[in-house]
Amino acid sequence: MSSFQHSLVNTNLDFEKDGVQYGALRVPYSHDRSAYGYVPIPAMVAKRGDGPTLLLTGANHGDEYEGPVALTNLMREFPIDSFNGRLIVVPALNLPAYLAGTRTSPIDHGNLNRSFPGNRNGTVTEIIAHYVETVLIPLADYAIDFHAGGSSLNYLPTLFVDRPATLEETHRLERLLTAFSPPRAIYWDYFGEDRVLGAAASRHKTFFMTGEFGGGATVNLDGLKVVREGIAGVLGALNMLPGSEPSEPARSIRRLEVQPEHYVSAPCGGIFEPRFRLGDEVTAGQLAGLIHDPVTPWREPVSVEFNADGVALCIRTFALVQPGDCLGHLGRDLAA
């Protein structure tokens, strides 16, 4: 890699220094109000002993809150004296969007989780993605990126994991999946999408998990509990923070997969009246909802049906829809 490709982001954090450090990732941002300005993305690095490196990130989208809240709490009183390894915590990767409460950045309208591998000389969002892909992910043995449905969607708290390709990967996944102990886990293959953080982790052979833990631009208390206990479980399973695991026994995990046919989209614009709730078991052909025409309300609404069987994991929060908007999606139980 030439020096020209090195990230423009700088930081006052030393990733090789022992102890706990708090600081910022400084993303250059020259604009009308600040010629030599930067976006300061808060971060923490904790290092002690010779354990693995775990990267924890939240607010990849700025209106998703369970991850940032859990990570902020973790940062405040981190027990370094009993720690073994290196922990990098970035509670709000897309800080401009997080401060604005929006999915995308108000600076450049970039969707960070559709911007990898990024661009060293690009927009603020692309520069962040480039730094994560070229600096943070290569440092990490393990990475977890916490999501939610944001403003427009609401999810049942669910962990997303990559499909293992080898027996070794299967054993590692099972160990960490059991340690995280989510109520549901989706085995995910990205449908060819290579612009997300999970794809960046795959390119660098970093073990990766993500998940959707709520939505509606609120803090889902059930999802927050899953995230908090999941982090503790993983830290314990990796022997980074022994004794941090929740005292309760691991819950039974419902294992699911999602395919393109499990998504339901609006065929037209209007007002969406759902006919299902999160957690409902539905069948192909069942009515998912009605779309009412607000301009000619006397007309019969357009019916939208499910294309497959499954459990409703996600539902739209905005009633107003346009053609192509996601109305929700299902998960199908993984074959034994």
C-alpha atoms as a PDB file:
ATOM      1  CA  MET A   1       0.000   0.000   0.000  1.00  0.00           C
ATOM      2  CA  SER A   2       1.459   3.383  -0.960  1.00  0.00           C
ATOM      3  CA  SER A   3       1.609   6.219   1.542  1.00  0.00           C
ATOM      4  CA  PHE A   4      -0.969   8.073  -0.561  1.00  0.00           C
ATOM      5  CA  GLN A   5      -3.520   5.402   0.378  1.00  0.00           C
ATOM      6  CA  HIS A   6      -2.992   5.805   4.122  1.00  0.00           C
ATOM      7  CA  SER A   7      -6.076   7.073   5.908  1.00  0.00           C
ATOM      8  CA  LEU A   8      -6.473  10.809   6.410  1.00  0.00           C
ATOM      9  CA  VAL A   9      -8.037  10.125   9.810  1.00  0.00           C
ATOM     10  CA  ASN A  10      -5.747  10.738  12.772  1.00  0.00           C
ATOM     11  CA  THR A  11      -6.261  10.066  16.454  1.00  0.00           C
ATOM     12  CA  ASN A  12      -4.818  10.819  19.879  1.00  0.00           C
ATOM     13  CA  LEU A  13      -5.293   7.147  20.792  1.00  0.00           C
ATOM     14  CA  ASP A  14      -2.355   4.746  20.856  1.00  0.00           C
ATOM     15  CA  PHE A  15      -3.624   1.280  19.959  1.00  0.00           C
ATOM     16  CA  GLU A  16      -0.443  -0.334  21.331  1.00  0.00           C
ATOM     17  CA  LYS A  17      -0.404   1.378  24.735  1.00  0.00           C
ATOM     18  CA  ASP A  18      -1.464  -0.463  27.887  1.00  0.00           C
ATOM     19  CA  GLY A  19      -4.276   0.916  30.031  1.00  0.00           C
ATOM     20  CA  VAL A  20      -7.532   2.677  29.197  1.00  0.00           C
ATOM     21  CA  GLN A  21      -7.553   5.653  26.839  1.00  0.00           C
ATOM     22  CA  TYR A  22     -10.397   7.898  25.778  1.00  0.00           C
ATOM     23  CA  GLY A  23     -10.104  10.089  22.738  1.00  0.00           C
ATOM     24  CA  ALA A  24     -11.366  10.651  19.223  1.00  0.00           C
ATOM     25  CA  LEU A  25     -10.919   9.601  15.631  1.00  0.00           C
ATOM     26  CA  ARG A  26     -10.439  12.909  13.822  1.00  0.00           C
ATOM     27  CA  VAL A  27     -12.027  12.864  10.382  1.00  0.00           C
ATOM     28  CA  PRO A  28     -10.936  15.885   8.313  1.00  0.00           C
ATOM     29  CA  TYR A  29     -13.844  18.115   7.318  1.00  0.00           C
ATOM     30  CA  SER A  30     -13.048  21.458   5.718  1.00  0.00           C
ATOM     31  CA  HIS A  31     -16.146  23.562   5.171  1.00  0.00           C
ATOM     32  CA  ASP A  32     -17.432  27.124   5.177  1.00  0.00           C
ATOM     33  CA  ARG A  33     -17.584  27.485   8.963  1.00  0.00           C
ATOM     34  CA  SER A  34     -14.272  25.738   9.692  1.00  0.00           C
ATOM     35  CA  ALA A  35     -11.478  25.732   7.137  1.00  0.00           C
ATOM     36  CA  TYR A  36      -9.279  23.297   9.108  1.00  0.00           C
ATOM     37  CA  GLY A  37     -12.049  21.462  10.935  1.00  0.00           C
ATOM     38  CA  TYR A  38     -12.537  17.787  11.691  1.00  0.00           C
ATOM     39  CA  VAL A  39     -15.313  15.501  12.949  1.00  0.00           C
ATOM     40  CA  PRO A  40     -14.246  14.075  16.340  1.00  0.00           C
ATOM     41  CA  ILE A  41     -15.643  10.520  16.652  1.00  0.00           C
ATOM     42  CA  PRO A  42     -15.361   9.428  20.324  1.00  0.00           C
ATOM     43  CA  ALA A  43     -13.573   6.149  20.987  1.00  0.00           C
ATOM     44  CA  MET A  44     -11.951   4.091  23.723  1.00  0.00           C
ATOM     45  CA  VAL A  45      -9.015   1.703  23.659  1.00  0.00           C
ATOM     46  CA  ALA A  46      -8.349  -0.667  26.552  1.00  0.00           C
ATOM     47  CA  LYS A  47      -5.265  -2.894  26.475  1.00  0.00           C
ATOM     48  CA  ARG A  48      -3.748  -5.286  28.985  1.00  0.00           C
ATOM     49  CA  GLY A  49      -2.180  -8.731  28.663  1.00  0.00           C
ATOM     50  CA  ASP A  50      -1.959 -10.810  25.515  1.00  0.00           C
ATOM     51  CA  GLY A  51      -5.586 -11.637  24.705  1.00  0.00           C
ATOM     52  CA  PRO A  52      -7.307 -11.028  21.360  1.00  0.00           C
ATOM     53  CA  THR A  53      -8.557  -7.723  19.953  1.00  0.00           C
ATOM     54  CA  LEU A  54     -12.304  -7.085  19.935  1.00  0.00           C
ATOM     55  CA  LEU A  55     -13.820  -4.141  18.035  1.00  0.00           C
ATOM     56  CA  LEU A  56     -17.278  -2.969  19.172  1.00  0.00           C
ATOM     57  CA  THR A  57     -19.137  -0.363  17.100  1.00  0.00           C
ATOM     58  CA  GLY A  58     -22.536   1.311  17.121  1.00  0.00           C
ATOM     59  CA  ALA A  59     -24.484   4.022  15.272  1.00  0.00           C
ATOM     60  CA  ASN A  60     -23.226   2.912  11.876  1.00  0.00           C
ATOM     61  CA  HIS A  61     -26.638   4.412  11.164  1.00  0.00           C
ATOM     62  CA  GLY A  62     -27.340   7.441  13.314  1.00  0.00           C
ATOM     63  CA  ASP A  63     -30.909   6.637  14.391  1.00  0.00           C
ATOM     64  CA  GLU A  64     -30.143   3.226  15.949  1.00  0.00           C
ATOM     65  CA  TYR A  65     -29.577   3.458  19.676  1.00  0.00           C
ATOM     66  CA  GLU A  66     -29.300   0.181  21.602  1.00  0.00           C
ATOM     67  CA  GLY A  67     -25.660  -0.354  20.620  1.00  0.00           C
ATOM     68  CA  PRO A  68     -24.457   3.190  21.363  1.00  0.00           C
ATOM     69  CA  VAL A  69     -26.177   3.238  24.760  1.00  0.00           C
ATOM     70  CA  ALA A  70     -24.708  -0.131  25.782  1.00  0.00           C
ATOM     71  CA  LEU A  71     -21.240   0.841  24.537  1.00  0.00           C
ATOM     72  CA  THR A  72     -21.364   4.227  26.265  1.00  0.00           C
ATOM     73  CA  ASN A  73     -22.162   2.482  29.557  1.00  0.00           C
ATOM     74  CA  LEU A  74     -19.310   0.021  28.970  1.00  0.00           C
ATOM     75  CA  MET A  75     -16.832   2.851  28.408  1.00  0.00           C
ATOM     76  CA  ARG A  76     -17.563   4.667  31.655  1.00  0.00           C
ATOM     77  CA  GLU A  77     -16.213   2.172  34.153  1.00  0.00           C
ATOM     78  CA  PHE A  78     -14.200  -0.404  32.293  1.00  0.00           C
ATOM     79  CA  PRO A  79     -12.510  -2.925  34.655  1.00  0.00           C
ATOM     80  CA  ILE A  80      -9.005  -2.827  33.171  1.00  0.00           C
ATOM     81  CA  ASP A  81      -7.418  -4.557  36.189  1.00  0.00           C
ATOM     82  CA  SER A  82      -9.098  -7.871  35.298  1.00  0.00           C
ATOM     83  CA  PHE A  83      -8.928  -7.463  31.527  1.00  0.00           C
ATOM     84  CA  ASN A  84      -6.861  -9.518  29.077  1.00  0.00           C
ATOM     85  CA  GLY A  85      -6.555  -8.346  25.483  1.00  0.00           C
ATOM     86  CA  ARG A  86      -7.391  -5.218  23.541  1.00  0.00           C
ATOM     87  CA  LEU A  87     -10.837  -3.656  23.271  1.00  0.00           C
ATOM     88  CA  ILE A  88     -11.642  -0.885  20.793  1.00  0.00           C
ATOM     89  CA  VAL A  89     -15.016   0.785  21.332  1.00  0.00           C
ATOM     90  CA  VAL A  90     -16.563   3.304  18.943  1.00  0.00           C
ATOM     91  CA  PRO A  91     -20.139   3.919  20.123  1.00  0.00           C
ATOM     92  CA  ALA A  92     -21.082   6.193  17.209  1.00  0.00           C
ATOM     93  CA  LEU A  93     -19.167   5.392  14.027  1.00  0.00           C
ATOM     94  CA  ASN A  94     -21.307   7.792  12.024  1.00  0.00           C
ATOM     95  CA  LEU A  95     -21.230  10.633  14.556  1.00  0.00           C
ATOM     96  CA  PRO A  96     -22.736  13.292  12.236  1.00  0.00           C
ATOM     97  CA  ALA A  97     -25.775  11.074  11.634  1.00  0.00           C
ATOM     98  CA  TYR A  98     -25.948  10.123  15.322  1.00  0.00           C
ATOM     99  CA  LEU A  99     -26.065  13.769  16.413  1.00  0.00           C
ATOM    100  CA  ALA A 100     -28.742  14.466  13.792  1.00  0.00           C
ATOM    101  CA  GLY A 101     -30.804  11.363  14.615  1.00  0.00           C
ATOM    102  CA  THR A 102     -30.766  10.287  10.975  1.00  0.00           C
ATOM    103  CA  ARG A 103     -29.823   7.116   9.127  1.00  0.00           C
ATOM    104  CA  THR A 104     -27.471   8.912   6.774  1.00  0.00           C
ATOM    105  CA  SER A 105     -24.972  11.695   7.335  1.00  0.00           C
ATOM    106  CA  PRO A 106     -26.309  15.256   7.221  1.00  0.00           C
ATOM    107  CA  ILE A 107     -22.926  16.317   5.842  1.00  0.00           C
ATOM    108  CA  ASP A 108     -22.885  14.315   2.623  1.00  0.00           C
ATOM    109  CA  HIS A 109     -26.067  12.163   2.855  1.00  0.00           C
ATOM    110  CA  GLY A 110     -23.821   9.105   2.868  1.00  0.00           C
ATOM    111  CA  ASN A 111     -25.030   5.775   4.203  1.00  0.00           C
ATOM    112  CA  LEU A 112     -21.963   4.513   6.068  1.00  0.00           C
ATOM    113  CA  ASN A 113     -23.069   0.887   5.921  1.00  0.00           C
ATOM    114  CA  ARG A 114     -23.246   1.095   2.130  1.00  0.00           C
ATOM    115  CA  SER A 115     -19.879   2.849   1.758  1.00  0.00           C
ATOM    116  CA  PHE A 116     -17.219   0.182   2.374  1.00  0.00           C
ATOM    117  CA  PRO A 117     -14.391  -0.111   1.467  1.00  0.00           C
ATOM    118  CA  GLY A 118     -14.614   3.663   1.426  1.00  0.00           C
ATOM    119  CA  ASN A 119     -12.401   6.219  -0.205  1.00  0.00           C
ATOM    120  CA  ARG A 120      -9.376   7.894   1.335  1.00  0.00           C
ATOM    121  CA  ASN A 121     -10.031  11.034  -0.747  1.00  0.00           C
ATOM    122  CA  GLY A 122     -13.831  10.913  -0.672  1.00  0.00           C
ATOM    123  CA  THR A 123     -16.609  12.449   1.369  1.00  0.00           C
ATOM    124  CA  VAL A 124     -16.653  12.403   5.180  1.00  0.00           C
ATOM    125  CA  THR A 125     -18.671   9.172   5.163  1.00  0.00           C
ATOM    126  CA  GLU A 126     -16.307   7.537   2.671  1.00  0.00           C
ATOM    127  CA  ILE A 127     -13.276   8.619   4.699  1.00  0.00           C
ATOM    128  CA  ILE A 128     -14.774   7.029   7.839  1.00  0.00           C
ATOM    129  CA  ALA A 129     -15.445   3.797   5.942  1.00  0.00           C
ATOM    130  CA  HIS A 130     -11.909   3.788   4.551  1.00  0.00           C
ATOM    131  CA  TYR A 131     -10.441   4.220   8.055  1.00  0.00           C
ATOM    132  CA  VAL A 132     -12.542   1.397   9.477  1.00  0.00           C
ATOM    133  CA  GLU A 133     -11.600  -0.922   6.601  1.00  0.00           C
ATOM    134  CA  THR A 134      -7.885  -0.094   6.476  1.00  0.00           C
ATOM    135  CA  VAL A 135      -7.100   0.555  10.157  1.00  0.00           C
ATOM    136  CA  LEU A 136      -9.691  -0.694  12.665  1.00  0.00           C
ATOM    137  CA  ILE A 137     -10.795  -3.963  11.053  1.00  0.00           C
ATOM    138  CA  PRO A 138      -7.207  -5.144  10.363  1.00  0.00           C
ATOM    139  CA  LEU A 139      -6.442  -4.614  14.075  1.00  0.00           C
ATOM    140  CA  ALA A 140      -9.366  -6.782  15.181  1.00  0.00           C
ATOM    141  CA  ASP A 141      -9.601 -10.531  15.612  1.00  0.00           C
ATOM    142  CA  TYR A 142     -13.318 -10.158  16.385  1.00  0.00           C
ATOM    143  CA  ALA A 143     -15.821  -7.401  15.602  1.00  0.00           C
ATOM    144  CA  ILE A 144     -19.450  -6.767  16.554  1.00  0.00           C
ATOM    145  CA  ASP A 145     -21.465  -3.961  14.938  1.00  0.00           C
ATOM    146  CA  PHE A 146     -24.773  -3.139  16.659  1.00  0.00           C
ATOM    147  CA  HIS A 147     -27.779  -2.049  14.597  1.00  0.00           C
ATOM    148  CA  ALA A 148     -31.535  -1.520  14.897  1.00  0.00           C
ATOM    149  CA  GLY A 149     -34.335  -0.721  12.492  1.00  0.00           C
ATOM    150  CA  GLY A 150     -33.775   3.011  12.775  1.00  0.00           C
ATOM    151  CA  SER A 151     -36.637   5.423  12.259  1.00  0.00           C
ATOM    152  CA  SER A 152     -38.468   3.514   9.534  1.00  0.00           C
ATOM    153  CA  LEU A 153     -38.357  -0.078  10.852  1.00  0.00           C
ATOM    154  CA  ASN A 154     -38.765  -1.998  14.090  1.00  0.00           C
ATOM    155  CA  TYR A 155     -37.162  -5.386  14.813  1.00  0.00           C
ATOM    156  CA  LEU A 156     -37.457  -8.206  17.248  1.00  0.00           C
ATOM    157  CA  PRO A 157     -33.985  -8.275  18.878  1.00  0.00           C
ATOM    158  CA  THR A 158     -31.999 -10.618  16.631  1.00  0.00           C
ATOM    159  CA  LEU A 159     -28.309 -11.391  16.126  1.00  0.00           C
ATOM    160  CA  PHE A 160     -27.003 -11.773  12.545  1.00  0.00           C
ATOM    161  CA  VAL A 161     -24.091 -14.130  11.885  1.00  0.00           C
ATOM    162  CA  ASP A 162     -22.200 -15.248   8.795  1.00  0.00           C
ATOM    163  CA  ARG A 163     -22.708 -18.773   7.529  1.00  0.00           C
ATOM    164  CA  PRO A 164     -19.602 -20.749   8.546  1.00  0.00           C
ATOM    165  CA  ALA A 165     -17.629 -22.292   5.699  1.00  0.00           C
ATOM    166  CA  THR A 166     -15.463 -24.742   7.657  1.00  0.00           C
ATOM    167  CA  LEU A 167     -15.706 -26.970  10.706  1.00  0.00           C
ATOM    168  CA  GLU A 168     -13.330 -24.662  12.566  1.00  0.00           C
ATOM    169  CA  GLU A 169     -15.514 -21.645  11.764  1.00  0.00           C
ATOM    170  CA  THR A 170     -18.587 -23.594  12.893  1.00  0.00           C
ATOM    171  CA  HIS A 171     -17.033 -24.393  16.270  1.00  0.00           C
ATOM    172  CA  ARG A 172     -15.957 -20.776  16.820  1.00  0.00           C
ATOM    173  CA  LEU A 173     -19.354 -19.459  15.797  1.00  0.00           C
ATOM    174  CA  GLU A 174     -21.177 -21.870  18.098  1.00  0.00           C
ATOM    175  CA  ARG A 175     -18.988 -20.865  21.035  1.00  0.00           C
ATOM    176  CA  LEU A 176     -19.590 -17.151  20.561  1.00  0.00           C
ATOM    177  CA  LEU A 177     -23.234 -17.514  19.567  1.00  0.00           C
ATOM    178  CA  THR A 178     -23.886 -19.445  22.775  1.00  0.00           C
ATOM    179  CA  ALA A 179     -21.949 -16.834  24.743  1.00  0.00           C
ATOM    180  CA  PHE A 180     -23.922 -13.945  23.239  1.00  0.00           C
ATOM    181  CA  SER A 181     -27.147 -15.889  23.828  1.00  0.00           C
ATOM    182  CA  PRO A 182     -29.584 -13.888  21.673  1.00  0.00           C
ATOM    183  CA  PRO A 183     -33.255 -14.924  21.541  1.00  0.00           C
ATOM    184  CA  ARG A 184     -32.925 -15.284  17.762  1.00  0.00           C
ATOM    185  CA  ALA A 185     -30.031 -15.647  15.329  1.00  0.00           C
ATOM    186  CA  ILE A 186     -30.171 -15.193  11.567  1.00  0.00           C
ATOM    187  CA  TYR A 187     -27.606 -16.937   9.373  1.00  0.00           C
ATOM    188  CA  TRP A 188     -26.839 -14.305   6.771  1.00  0.00           C
ATOM    189  CA  ASP A 189     -25.089 -14.285   3.410  1.00  0.00           C
ATOM    190  CA  TYR A 190     -25.547 -10.595   2.411  1.00  0.00           C
ATOM    191  CA  PHE A 191     -27.297 -11.407  -0.931  1.00  0.00           C
ATOM    192  CA  GLY A 192     -24.122 -10.267  -2.697  1.00  0.00           C
ATOM    193  CA  GLU A 193     -23.958  -6.915  -0.862  1.00  0.00           C
ATOM    194  CA  ASP A 194     -20.265  -6.079  -0.438  1.00  0.00           C
ATOM    195  CA  ARG A 195     -20.521  -2.447   0.753  1.00  0.00           C
ATOM    196  CA  VAL A 196     -21.369  -3.238   4.396  1.00  0.00           C
ATOM    197  CA  LEU A 197     -19.085  -3.513   7.407  1.00  0.00           C
ATOM    198  CA  GLY A 198     -19.580  -7.274   7.550  1.00  0.00           C
ATOM    199  CA  ALA A 199     -18.158  -7.574   4.041  1.00  0.00           C
ATOM    200  CA  ALA A 200     -15.160  -5.490   5.124  1.00  0.00           C
ATOM    201  CA  ALA A 201     -14.596  -7.874   8.043  1.00  0.00           C
ATOM    202  CA  SER A 202     -14.814 -10.833   5.669  1.00  0.00           C
ATOM    203  CA  ARG A 203     -12.220  -9.296   3.375  1.00  0.00           C
ATOM    204  CA  HIS A 204      -9.800  -9.099   6.321  1.00  0.00           C
ATOM    205  CA  LYS A 205     -10.688 -12.505   7.845  1.00  0.00           C
ATOM    206  CA  THR A 206     -12.050 -10.860  11.001  1.00  0.00           C
ATOM    207  CA  PHE A 207     -14.752 -12.826  12.833  1.00  0.00           C
ATOM    208  CA  PHE A 208     -17.890 -10.688  12.644  1.00  0.00           C
ATOM    209  CA  MET A 209     -21.345 -10.521  14.164  1.00  0.00           C
ATOM    210  CA  THR A 210     -24.010  -7.855  13.871  1.00  0.00           C
ATOM    211  CA  GLY A 211     -27.690  -7.622  14.698  1.00  0.00           C
ATOM    212  CA  GLU A 212     -30.892  -5.653  14.842  1.00  0.00           C
ATOM    213  CA  PHE A 213     -31.972  -4.936  18.407  1.00  0.00           C
ATOM    214  CA  GLY A 214     -34.985  -2.636  18.159  1.00  0.00           C
ATOM    215  CA  GLY A 215     -36.030   0.317  16.055  1.00  0.00           C
ATOM    216  CA  GLY A 216     -38.442   3.162  15.668  1.00  0.00           C
ATOM    217  CA  ALA A 217     -35.634   5.573  16.661  1.00  0.00           C
ATOM    218  CA  THR A 218     -36.125   4.603  20.314  1.00  0.00           C
ATOM    219  CA  VAL A 219     -34.126   2.592  22.842  1.00  0.00           C
ATOM    220  CA  ASN A 220     -35.712  -0.860  23.007  1.00  0.00           C
ATOM    221  CA  LEU A 221     -35.199  -2.037  26.592  1.00  0.00           C
ATOM    222  CA  ASP A 222     -35.370  -5.724  25.665  1.00  0.00           C
ATOM    223  CA  GLY A 223     -32.873  -5.156  22.878  1.00  0.00           C
ATOM    224  CA  LEU A 224     -30.596  -3.134  25.153  1.00  0.00           C
ATOM    225  CA  LYS A 225     -30.575  -6.006  27.657  1.00  0.00           C
ATOM    226  CA  VAL A 226     -29.677  -8.497  24.906  1.00  0.00           C
ATOM    227  CA  VAL A 227     -26.818  -6.260  23.734  1.00  0.00           C
ATOM    228  CA  ARG A 228     -25.474  -5.652  27.248  1.00  0.00           C
ATOM    229  CA  GLU A 229     -25.547  -9.326  28.198  1.00  0.00           C
ATOM    230  CA  GLY A 230     -24.243 -10.364  24.787  1.00  0.00           C
ATOM    231  CA  ILE A 231     -21.157  -8.175  25.124  1.00  0.00           C
ATOM    232  CA  ALA A 232     -20.482  -9.581  28.593  1.00  0.00           C
ATOM    233  CA  GLY A 233     -20.895 -13.119  27.327  1.00  0.00           C
ATOM    234  CA  VAL A 234     -18.491 -12.644  24.419  1.00  0.00           C
ATOM    235  CA  LEU A 235     -15.864 -10.968  26.623  1.00  0.00           C
ATOM    236  CA  GLY A 236     -16.101 -13.950  28.953  1.00  0.00           C
ATOM    237  CA  ALA A 237     -15.983 -16.571  26.204  1.00  0.00           C
ATOM    238  CA  LEU A 238     -12.857 -14.960  24.713  1.00  0.00           C
ATOM    239  CA  ASN A 239     -11.225 -14.949  28.172  1.00  0.00           C
ATOM    240  CA  MET A 240     -10.879 -11.187  27.880  1.00  0.00           C
ATOM    241  CA  LEU A 241     -12.944 -10.461  30.964  1.00  0.00           C
ATOM    242  CA  PRO A 242     -13.466 -13.698  32.925  1.00  0.00           C
ATOM    243  CA  GLY A 243     -16.499 -13.649  35.155  1.00  0.00           C
ATOM    244  CA  SER A 244     -18.266 -11.021  33.051  1.00  0.00           C
ATOM    245  CA  GLU A 245     -20.790 -13.513  31.695  1.00  0.00           C
ATOM    246  CA  PRO A 246     -24.415 -13.168  32.843  1.00  0.00           C
ATOM    247  CA  SER A 247     -25.242 -15.457  35.784  1.00  0.00           C
ATOM    248  CA  GLU A 248     -28.377 -16.829  34.097  1.00  0.00           C
ATOM    249  CA  PRO A 249     -28.023 -19.936  31.898  1.00  0.00           C
ATOM    250  CA  ALA A 250     -27.869 -19.363  28.156  1.00  0.00           C
ATOM    251  CA  ARG A 251     -31.317 -19.082  26.596  1.00  0.00           C
ATOM    252  CA  SER A 252     -32.575 -21.272  23.791  1.00  0.00           C
ATOM    253  CA  ILE A 253     -31.707 -19.594  20.478  1.00  0.00           C
ATOM    254  CA  ARG A 254     -34.175 -19.720  17.606  1.00  0.00           C
ATOM    255  CA  ARG A 255     -32.063 -20.148  14.474  1.00  0.00           C
ATOM    256  CA  LEU A 256     -33.374 -18.589  11.291  1.00  0.00           C
ATOM    257  CA  GLU A 257     -32.451 -17.647   7.765  1.00  0.00           C
ATOM    258  CA  VAL A 258     -33.685 -14.825   5.556  1.00  0.00           C
ATOM    259  CA  GLN A 259     -34.022 -15.051   1.788  1.00  0.00           C
ATOM    260  CA  PRO A 260     -35.138 -12.378  -0.704  1.00  0.00           C
ATOM    261  CA  GLU A 261     -38.682 -13.772  -0.794  1.00  0.00           C
ATOM    262  CA  HIS A 262     -39.079 -13.025   2.912  1.00  0.00           C
ATOM    263  CA  TYR A 263     -39.101  -9.261   2.298  1.00  0.00           C
ATOM    264  CA  VAL A 264     -42.376  -7.421   1.706  1.00  0.00           C
ATOM    265  CA  SER A 265     -42.273  -4.150  -0.233  1.00  0.00           C
ATOM    266  CA  ALA A 266     -44.802  -1.494  -1.167  1.00  0.00           C
ATOM    267  CA  PRO A 267     -45.985  -1.835  -4.788  1.00  0.00           C
ATOM    268  CA  CYS A 268     -47.411   1.705  -4.730  1.00  0.00           C
ATOM    269  CA  GLY A 269     -47.526   4.834  -2.621  1.00  0.00           C
ATOM    270  CA  GLY A 270     -50.082   5.567   0.084  1.00  0.00           C
ATOM    271  CA  ILE A 271     -50.858   4.850   3.721  1.00  0.00           C
ATOM    272  CA  PHE A 272     -49.820   1.401   4.928  1.00  0.00           C
ATOM    273  CA  GLU A 273     -52.199  -0.412   7.277  1.00  0.00           C
ATOM    274  CA  PRO A 274     -50.341  -3.502   8.570  1.00  0.00           C
ATOM    275  CA  ARG A 275     -52.225  -6.719   9.189  1.00  0.00           C
ATOM    276  CA  PHE A 276     -49.441  -8.395  11.173  1.00  0.00           C
ATOM    277  CA  ARG A 277     -47.419  -7.792  14.324  1.00  0.00           C
ATOM    278  CA  LEU A 278     -43.831  -8.548  15.238  1.00  0.00           C
ATOM    279  CA  GLY A 279     -43.502 -12.192  16.206  1.00  0.00           C
ATOM    280  CA  ASP A 280     -46.520 -13.374  14.211  1.00  0.00           C
ATOM    281  CA  GLU A 281     -46.178 -16.707  12.415  1.00  0.00           C
ATOM    282  CA  VAL A 282     -47.456 -16.146   8.882  1.00  0.00           C
ATOM    283  CA  THR A 283     -47.894 -18.144   5.695  1.00  0.00           C
ATOM    284  CA  ALA A 284     -47.365 -17.431   2.007  1.00  0.00           C
ATOM    285  CA  GLY A 285     -50.412 -15.682   0.532  1.00  0.00           C
ATOM    286  CA  GLN A 286     -51.507 -14.277   3.892  1.00  0.00           C
ATOM    287  CA  LEU A 287     -52.458 -10.606   3.901  1.00  0.00           C
ATOM    288  CA  ALA A 288     -49.556  -8.459   5.111  1.00  0.00           C
ATOM    289  CA  GLY A 289     -51.420  -5.182   4.888  1.00  0.00           C
ATOM    290  CA  LEU A 290     -53.370  -2.661   2.859  1.00  0.00           C
ATOM    291  CA  ILE A 291     -52.153   0.499   1.144  1.00  0.00           C
ATOM    292  CA  HIS A 292     -54.766   3.250   1.072  1.00  0.00           C
ATOM    293  CA  ASP A 293     -54.729   5.998  -1.557  1.00  0.00           C
ATOM    294  CA  PRO A 294     -54.929   9.327   0.330  1.00  0.00           C
ATOM    295  CA  VAL A 295     -55.941  11.248  -2.812  1.00  0.00           C
ATOM    296  CA  THR A 296     -58.834   8.955  -3.822  1.00  0.00           C
ATOM    297  CA  PRO A 297     -59.754   7.378  -0.478  1.00  0.00           C
ATOM    298  CA  TRP A 298     -63.016   5.941  -1.861  1.00  0.00           C
ATOM    299  CA  ARG A 299     -61.035   3.462  -3.942  1.00  0.00           C
ATOM    300  CA  GLU A 300     -60.365  -0.018  -2.645  1.00  0.00           C
ATOM    301  CA  PRO A 301     -56.931  -0.249  -0.988  1.00  0.00           C
ATOM    302  CA  VAL A 302     -54.154  -2.269  -2.581  1.00  0.00           C
ATOM    303  CA  SER A 303     -53.572  -5.610  -0.850  1.00  0.00           C
ATOM    304  CA  VAL A 304     -50.032  -6.739  -0.093  1.00  0.00           C
ATOM    305  CA  GLU A 305     -49.407 -10.422   0.642  1.00  0.00           C
ATOM    306  CA  PHE A 306     -46.549 -12.398   2.098  1.00  0.00           C
ATOM    307  CA  ASN A 307     -44.522 -14.355  -0.428  1.00  0.00           C
ATOM    308  CA  ALA A 308     -43.320 -17.042   2.004  1.00  0.00           C
ATOM    309  CA  ASP A 309     -43.916 -18.665   5.371  1.00  0.00           C
ATOM    310  CA  GLY A 310     -42.055 -17.463   8.453  1.00  0.00           C
ATOM    311  CA  VAL A 311     -41.983 -15.376  11.600  1.00  0.00           C
ATOM    312  CA  ALA A 312     -42.320 -11.607  11.359  1.00  0.00           C
ATOM    313  CA  LEU A 313     -38.990 -10.150  12.494  1.00  0.00           C
ATOM    314  CA  CYS A 314     -39.352  -6.623  11.154  1.00  0.00           C
ATOM    315  CA  ILE A 315     -42.181  -4.167  10.502  1.00  0.00           C
ATOM    316  CA  ARG A 316     -42.324  -0.675   9.059  1.00  0.00           C
ATOM    317  CA  THR A 317     -42.942   2.163  11.513  1.00  0.00           C
ATOM    318  CA  PHE A 318     -43.829   4.884   8.975  1.00  0.00           C
ATOM    319  CA  ALA A 319     -47.387   4.583   7.674  1.00  0.00           C
ATOM    320  CA  LEU A 320     -46.662   6.784   4.661  1.00  0.00           C
ATOM    321  CA  VAL A 321     -45.024   4.674   1.951  1.00  0.00           C
ATOM    322  CA  GLN A 322     -43.686   5.031  -1.558  1.00  0.00           C
ATOM    323  CA  PRO A 323     -43.151   2.282  -4.152  1.00  0.00           C
ATOM    324  CA  GLY A 324     -40.244   0.066  -3.115  1.00  0.00           C
ATOM    325  CA  ASP A 325     -40.365   0.859   0.616  1.00  0.00           C
ATOM    326  CA  CYS A 326     -39.756  -2.137   2.860  1.00  0.00           C
ATOM    327  CA  LEU A 327     -42.893  -2.982   4.844  1.00  0.00           C
ATOM    328  CA  GLY A 328     -41.250  -5.739   6.867  1.00  0.00           C
ATOM    329  CA  HIS A 329     -39.587  -9.097   6.541  1.00  0.00           C
ATOM    330  CA  LEU A 330     -39.774 -12.645   7.821  1.00  0.00           C
ATOM    331  CA  GLY A 331     -37.327 -15.240   9.008  1.00  0.00           C
ATOM    332  CA  ARG A 332     -37.584 -18.950   8.265  1.00  0.00           C
ATOM    333  CA  ASP A 333     -36.479 -21.606  10.732  1.00  0.00           C
ATOM    334  CA  LEU A 334     -33.156 -23.092   9.733  1.00  0.00           C
ATOM    335  CA  ALA A 335     -33.385 -26.695   8.619  1.00  0.00           C
ATOM    336  CA  ALA A 336     -31.966 -29.060  11.234  1.00  0.00           C
END
